Amino acid sequence: MNTSRRQFLTNTALGAGALGLFGPATLAAGKEKKDNKDKPPTPSFVTGQPKFHLGIVTYNIAKDWDIATIIKNCTAAKIEGVELRTSHKHGVEVTLTKEERAEVKKRFADSPVKLWSLGSAFDFHTPDQAKLKKDIEATKAYITLAHEVGATGVKVRPNGLPKEVAEEKTLEQIGRSLRELGVFAGYLGLQIRLEIHGGETSRVPRCKKIMDYADHPQVGVCWNSNQSDLQDGGFDANFDLVKDKIFTCHMRDLCLEDYPFRRLLTRLNEINFTGFTFAEIPESEDPVRVLKYYRALWLSYQGLL
């Protein structure tokens, strides 16, 4: 009798302790878990270690830097690569001699900064066929320059839709021009990267049509982080239209809350993107510090810092 009574008291105490252990907060959490069992999980940052890299476009933060300054500042900020926009102080233009081109190639090759791309301003939407032919030939000269200075590709762009020409005809003309350039670049092992650009041509479905007309493995797009990416079905729908053709990526200030930059980086990682994401940001009186902050936010958006 005494043993049974002692056992009863022991069990009662344990039960009371358990109730104390699982107090109101714990019980509420259990109820919340039950209520949320059908809700989708909170999105993660990225899946796995990203394979892509961070660089800068010399437009505009580095427009007044020569090559030595570009290498120095990018190295200090741990920026891995650069896209040299035409007409800037770096002076990497088609007017360079063979010896000067070799020197540019050597200076980047001897540094931790990769010369990844040359940024041209050719666009191919003109209805003037003589001008179109001239622009295509000029782009070929620029592709040759890229090859000889050690870049991996050339950025071009669409920049408008002439009102006097049917839209589809212009998109086809741009695409066929890019195909011709893709063939030329392919012989040199380079890529043609169409920046998703222009008031009307920055709409991703239009660039998708251009890619369809180009239909060449060396021709792809430079994702440009435009607000128009959020139209036509939204960000993911637009990204999916060209995800197999994204060769490079331009990004504005990552602090801008009106664009899903974290989602962009996540999607790039999902498609195993291995190219460069380029910061295309305004100039600064303290550029290295700004670039260090940019890199920190770029890493943080990926859950890496």
Protein backbone atom coordinates (compact mmCIF):
# COMPACT_ATOMS: atom_id res chain seq x y z
CA MET A 1 0.00 0.00 0.00
CA ASN A 2 2.78 2.44 0.95
CA THR A 3 4.72 1.65 -2.22
CA SER A 4 1.70 2.23 -4.44
CA ARG A 5 0.95 5.51 -2.70
CA ARG A 6 4.58 6.64 -3.06
CA GLN A 7 4.52 5.76 -6.78
CA PHE A 8 1.29 7.72 -7.20
CA LEU A 9 2.81 10.83 -5.63
CA THR A 10 5.94 10.50 -7.77
CA ASN A 11 3.92 10.29 -10.97
CA THR A 12 1.83 13.27 -9.94
CA ALA A 13 4.95 15.37 -9.31
CA LEU A 14 6.40 14.40 -12.66
CA GLY A 15 3.18 15.36 -14.36
CA ALA A 16 3.14 18.75 -12.67
CA GLY A 17 6.75 19.29 -13.67
CA ALA A 18 5.93 18.49 -17.25
CA LEU A 19 3.11 21.03 -17.23
CA GLY A 20 5.53 23.61 -15.88
CA LEU A 21 8.06 22.72 -18.54
CA PHE A 22 5.52 23.07 -21.33
CA GLY A 23 4.16 26.44 -20.23
CA PRO A 24 1.82 28.82 -22.11
CA ALA A 25 4.51 30.01 -24.57
CA THR A 26 5.46 26.47 -25.56
CA LEU A 27 1.86 25.37 -25.92
CA ALA A 28 1.10 28.45 -28.02
CA ALA A 29 4.06 27.70 -30.25
CA GLY A 30 2.76 24.17 -30.74
CA LYS A 31 -0.66 25.53 -31.69
CA GLU A 32 0.96 28.00 -34.14
CA LYS A 33 2.96 25.18 -35.72
CA LYS A 34 -0.23 23.19 -36.17
CA ASP A 35 -2.06 26.21 -37.64
CA ASN A 36 0.83 26.92 -40.06
CA LYS A 37 1.39 23.39 -41.26
CA ASP A 38 -0.15 24.14 -44.67
CA LYS A 39 1.68 27.45 -45.22
CA PRO A 40 4.68 27.53 -47.63
CA PRO A 41 8.13 27.74 -46.02
CA THR A 42 9.91 31.08 -45.73
CA PRO A 43 12.13 31.58 -48.81
CA SER A 44 15.80 30.87 -48.19
CA PHE A 45 18.64 33.03 -49.50
CA VAL A 46 20.29 30.66 -51.96
CA THR A 47 20.81 26.95 -52.36
CA GLY A 48 24.47 26.05 -52.18
CA GLN A 49 27.56 28.17 -52.71
CA PRO A 50 27.08 30.60 -55.64
CA LYS A 51 29.44 30.26 -58.58
CA PHE A 52 28.97 33.76 -59.98
CA HIS A 53 31.18 36.79 -59.36
CA LEU A 54 30.98 40.49 -58.55
CA GLY A 55 32.34 43.16 -60.86
CA ILE A 56 31.71 46.77 -61.84
CA VAL A 57 30.68 48.57 -65.00
CA THR A 58 32.81 51.68 -65.46
CA TYR A 59 29.54 53.55 -66.13
CA ASN A 60 29.40 55.67 -63.94
CA ILE A 61 31.41 54.99 -60.81
CA ALA A 62 34.68 54.46 -62.69
CA LYS A 63 34.17 56.62 -65.77
CA ASP A 64 37.09 58.87 -64.78
CA TRP A 65 39.52 56.07 -63.82
CA ASP A 66 42.44 54.96 -65.93
CA ILE A 67 43.39 51.29 -66.03
CA ALA A 68 45.82 51.57 -63.12
CA THR A 69 43.11 53.16 -60.94
CA ILE A 70 40.54 50.55 -61.95
CA ILE A 71 42.86 47.73 -60.95
CA LYS A 72 43.92 49.47 -57.72
CA ASN A 73 40.40 50.32 -56.53
CA CYS A 74 38.82 47.02 -57.53
CA THR A 75 41.59 45.10 -55.79
CA ALA A 76 41.15 47.16 -52.61
CA ALA A 77 37.38 46.50 -52.61
CA LYS A 78 37.72 42.80 -53.56
CA ILE A 79 35.88 43.38 -56.83
CA GLU A 80 36.73 40.51 -59.17
CA GLY A 81 36.12 41.91 -62.64
CA VAL A 82 35.18 44.84 -64.83
CA GLU A 83 33.17 45.78 -67.90
CA LEU A 84 34.85 48.69 -69.66
CA ARG A 85 32.20 51.01 -71.11
CA THR A 86 33.31 52.76 -74.30
CA SER A 87 34.23 56.48 -74.21
CA HIS A 88 35.57 56.44 -70.64
CA LYS A 89 38.99 57.49 -69.36
CA HIS A 90 40.41 53.94 -69.43
CA GLY A 91 40.89 54.47 -73.17
CA VAL A 92 40.36 50.87 -74.32
CA GLU A 93 39.07 51.70 -77.80
CA VAL A 94 39.51 50.44 -81.36
CA THR A 95 42.11 53.17 -81.95
CA LEU A 96 44.67 51.27 -79.82
CA THR A 97 47.67 49.86 -81.63
CA LYS A 98 48.54 46.16 -81.53
CA GLU A 99 51.23 46.85 -78.93
CA GLU A 100 48.87 48.92 -76.78
CA ARG A 101 46.26 46.16 -76.87
CA ALA A 102 48.84 43.65 -75.73
CA GLU A 103 49.79 45.95 -72.86
CA VAL A 104 46.15 46.23 -71.70
CA LYS A 105 45.83 42.47 -71.77
CA LYS A 106 49.03 42.02 -69.76
CA ARG A 107 48.09 44.59 -67.11
CA PHE A 108 44.83 42.84 -66.33
CA ALA A 109 46.37 39.37 -66.60
CA ASP A 110 49.01 40.36 -64.03
CA SER A 111 46.32 41.62 -61.61
CA PRO A 112 43.55 39.96 -59.58
CA VAL A 113 40.94 41.86 -61.66
CA LYS A 114 39.45 40.11 -64.68
CA LEU A 115 38.72 42.12 -67.82
CA TRP A 116 35.45 40.33 -68.51
CA SER A 117 33.62 42.49 -70.99
CA LEU A 118 33.72 45.54 -73.23
CA GLY A 119 30.59 47.68 -73.20
CA SER A 120 29.76 49.13 -76.61
CA ALA A 121 26.89 51.45 -77.57
CA PHE A 122 25.83 49.69 -80.79
CA ASP A 123 22.10 48.91 -81.07
CA PHE A 124 21.01 47.77 -84.63
CA HIS A 125 17.42 49.07 -84.61
CA THR A 126 17.95 51.76 -87.26
CA PRO A 127 15.74 51.51 -90.38
CA ASP A 128 18.67 52.97 -92.38
CA GLN A 129 20.21 49.84 -93.88
CA ALA A 130 23.45 51.58 -94.82
CA LYS A 131 23.91 52.72 -91.22
CA LEU A 132 22.98 49.25 -89.96
CA LYS A 133 25.69 47.65 -92.10
CA LYS A 134 28.21 50.25 -90.90
CA ASP A 135 27.30 49.58 -87.24
CA ILE A 136 27.65 45.83 -87.68
CA GLU A 137 31.12 46.23 -89.18
CA ALA A 138 32.09 48.65 -86.40
CA THR A 139 30.95 46.09 -83.84
CA LYS A 140 33.12 43.44 -85.47
CA ALA A 141 36.11 45.75 -85.02
CA TYR A 142 35.12 46.09 -81.36
CA ILE A 143 34.88 42.30 -81.02
CA THR A 144 38.40 42.02 -82.41
CA LEU A 145 39.53 44.59 -79.85
CA ALA A 146 37.91 42.58 -77.05
CA HIS A 147 39.72 39.45 -78.18
CA GLU A 148 43.09 41.18 -78.32
CA VAL A 149 42.82 42.79 -74.87
CA GLY A 150 41.71 39.53 -73.26
CA ALA A 151 37.99 40.18 -72.67
CA THR A 152 35.49 37.34 -72.99
CA GLY A 153 32.73 39.20 -74.78
CA VAL A 154 31.11 42.42 -75.95
CA LYS A 155 27.97 44.06 -74.66
CA VAL A 156 25.59 45.55 -77.24
CA ARG A 157 22.03 46.79 -76.79
CA PRO A 158 18.68 47.45 -78.34
CA ASN A 159 17.68 51.07 -77.82
CA GLY A 160 14.32 51.70 -79.41
CA LEU A 161 11.57 50.80 -81.85
CA PRO A 162 11.27 53.16 -84.85
CA LYS A 163 7.64 54.24 -85.15
CA GLU A 164 7.70 54.00 -88.94
CA VAL A 165 8.60 50.29 -88.87
CA ALA A 166 6.52 47.36 -87.61
CA GLU A 167 7.75 46.22 -84.20
CA GLU A 168 8.24 42.59 -85.23
CA LYS A 169 10.35 43.62 -88.22
CA THR A 170 12.68 45.67 -86.00
CA LEU A 171 13.04 42.86 -83.47
CA GLU A 172 13.87 40.47 -86.29
CA GLN A 173 16.44 42.91 -87.72
CA ILE A 174 18.18 43.23 -84.35
CA GLY A 175 18.16 39.46 -83.90
CA ARG A 176 19.58 38.71 -87.34
CA SER A 177 22.28 41.34 -86.81
CA LEU A 178 23.23 39.64 -83.57
CA ARG A 179 23.39 36.28 -85.29
CA GLU A 180 25.92 37.66 -87.79
CA LEU A 181 27.94 39.06 -84.89
CA GLY A 182 27.63 35.79 -82.98
CA VAL A 183 29.16 33.89 -85.88
CA PHE A 184 32.03 36.38 -86.04
CA ALA A 185 32.58 36.34 -82.26
CA GLY A 186 32.35 32.56 -82.16
CA TYR A 187 35.47 32.18 -84.28
CA LEU A 188 37.34 34.11 -81.57
CA GLY A 189 35.70 32.29 -78.66
CA LEU A 190 33.82 35.41 -77.52
CA GLN A 191 30.19 36.08 -76.57
CA ILE A 192 27.75 38.77 -77.71
CA ARG A 193 25.70 40.04 -74.74
CA LEU A 194 22.52 41.97 -75.48
CA GLU A 195 21.77 44.38 -72.65
CA ILE A 196 18.03 44.43 -71.89
CA HIS A 197 17.89 48.16 -72.50
CA GLY A 198 15.84 51.04 -73.90
CA GLY A 199 12.50 52.62 -73.17
CA GLU A 200 10.54 50.11 -75.27
CA THR A 201 13.07 47.35 -75.85
CA SER A 202 13.79 46.79 -72.15
CA ARG A 203 10.61 44.71 -71.93
CA VAL A 204 11.88 41.15 -71.50
CA PRO A 205 9.37 39.49 -73.89
CA ARG A 206 10.72 41.67 -76.69
CA CYS A 207 14.31 40.69 -75.91
CA LYS A 208 13.18 37.07 -75.86
CA LYS A 209 11.94 37.51 -79.44
CA ILE A 210 15.29 39.05 -80.40
CA MET A 211 17.04 36.00 -78.94
CA ASP A 212 14.75 33.69 -80.91
CA TYR A 213 15.62 35.50 -84.14
CA ALA A 214 19.34 35.49 -83.30
CA ASP A 215 19.30 31.76 -82.48
CA HIS A 216 23.04 31.44 -81.89
CA PRO A 217 24.90 29.83 -78.98
CA GLN A 218 27.33 32.78 -78.66
CA VAL A 219 24.51 35.32 -78.39
CA GLY A 220 22.80 35.90 -75.05
CA VAL A 221 21.46 38.66 -72.82
CA CYS A 222 22.81 40.93 -70.14
CA TRP A 223 20.09 41.04 -67.48
CA ASN A 224 19.79 44.73 -66.62
CA SER A 225 17.68 44.94 -63.42
CA ASN A 226 15.07 47.26 -64.94
CA GLN A 227 11.74 48.11 -63.32
CA SER A 228 10.13 46.74 -66.49
CA ASP A 229 11.27 43.29 -65.29
CA LEU A 230 8.33 43.46 -62.89
CA GLN A 231 5.77 43.89 -65.69
CA ASP A 232 4.46 41.30 -68.17
CA GLY A 233 3.67 38.68 -65.54
CA GLY A 234 6.25 39.70 -62.95
CA PHE A 235 9.90 39.07 -62.18
CA ASP A 236 9.95 35.27 -62.21
CA ALA A 237 7.95 35.01 -65.42
CA ASN A 238 10.34 37.38 -67.19
CA PHE A 239 13.43 35.70 -65.73
CA ASP A 240 12.20 32.32 -66.94
CA LEU A 241 11.80 33.65 -70.49
CA VAL A 242 15.55 34.20 -70.87
CA LYS A 243 17.14 32.22 -68.04
CA ASP A 244 18.92 29.92 -70.48
CA LYS A 245 20.42 32.94 -72.26
CA ILE A 246 21.72 35.06 -69.36
CA PHE A 247 25.44 35.64 -69.99
CA THR A 248 26.01 38.64 -67.70
CA CYS A 249 24.03 40.79 -65.30
CA HIS A 250 23.95 44.50 -64.47
CA MET A 251 22.69 45.60 -61.05
CA ARG A 252 21.83 49.04 -59.71
CA ASP A 253 22.23 50.09 -56.08
CA LEU A 254 21.27 47.05 -54.00
CA CYS A 255 19.72 49.30 -51.36
CA LEU A 256 16.85 50.15 -53.73
CA GLU A 257 13.76 48.52 -52.25
CA ASP A 258 11.66 48.69 -55.42
CA TYR A 259 13.56 45.82 -57.06
CA PRO A 260 13.91 42.18 -55.86
CA PHE A 261 17.71 41.96 -55.87
CA ARG A 262 17.82 39.13 -53.34
CA ARG A 263 15.41 37.17 -55.53
CA LEU A 264 17.57 37.91 -58.58
CA LEU A 265 20.69 36.51 -56.92
CA THR A 266 18.76 33.46 -55.76
CA ARG A 267 17.47 32.76 -59.26
CA LEU A 268 20.94 33.21 -60.77
CA ASN A 269 22.25 30.62 -58.35
CA GLU A 270 19.39 28.26 -59.19
CA ILE A 271 20.36 28.27 -62.88
CA ASN A 272 24.04 27.69 -62.00
CA PHE A 273 25.06 31.06 -63.38
CA THR A 274 28.86 31.33 -63.43
CA GLY A 275 29.34 34.76 -64.99
CA PHE A 276 29.57 38.25 -63.52
CA THR A 277 27.03 40.42 -61.75
CA PHE A 278 28.20 43.97 -62.43
CA ALA A 279 27.50 46.94 -60.18
CA GLU A 280 26.32 49.77 -62.43
CA ILE A 281 26.12 52.57 -59.89
CA PRO A 282 26.70 56.34 -59.62
CA GLU A 283 30.11 57.84 -59.04
CA SER A 284 31.24 58.63 -55.51
CA GLU A 285 33.82 60.78 -53.75
CA ASP A 286 34.67 57.71 -51.66
CA PRO A 287 34.41 54.93 -54.26
CA VAL A 288 36.39 52.16 -52.56
CA ARG A 289 34.34 52.48 -49.39
CA VAL A 290 31.11 52.44 -51.42
CA LEU A 291 32.24 49.33 -53.30
CA LYS A 292 33.12 47.59 -50.05
CA TYR A 293 29.61 48.27 -48.76
CA TYR A 294 28.17 47.09 -52.08
CA ARG A 295 30.08 43.82 -51.84
CA ALA A 296 28.97 43.34 -48.23
CA LEU A 297 25.31 43.73 -49.20
CA TRP A 298 25.81 41.46 -52.25
CA LEU A 299 27.18 38.77 -49.92
CA SER A 300 24.48 39.35 -47.31
CA TYR A 301 21.68 38.95 -49.86
CA GLN A 302 23.10 35.50 -50.54
CA GLY A 303 23.33 34.60 -46.86
CA LEU A 304 27.13 34.54 -47.06
CA LEU A 305 27.93 37.28 -44.55
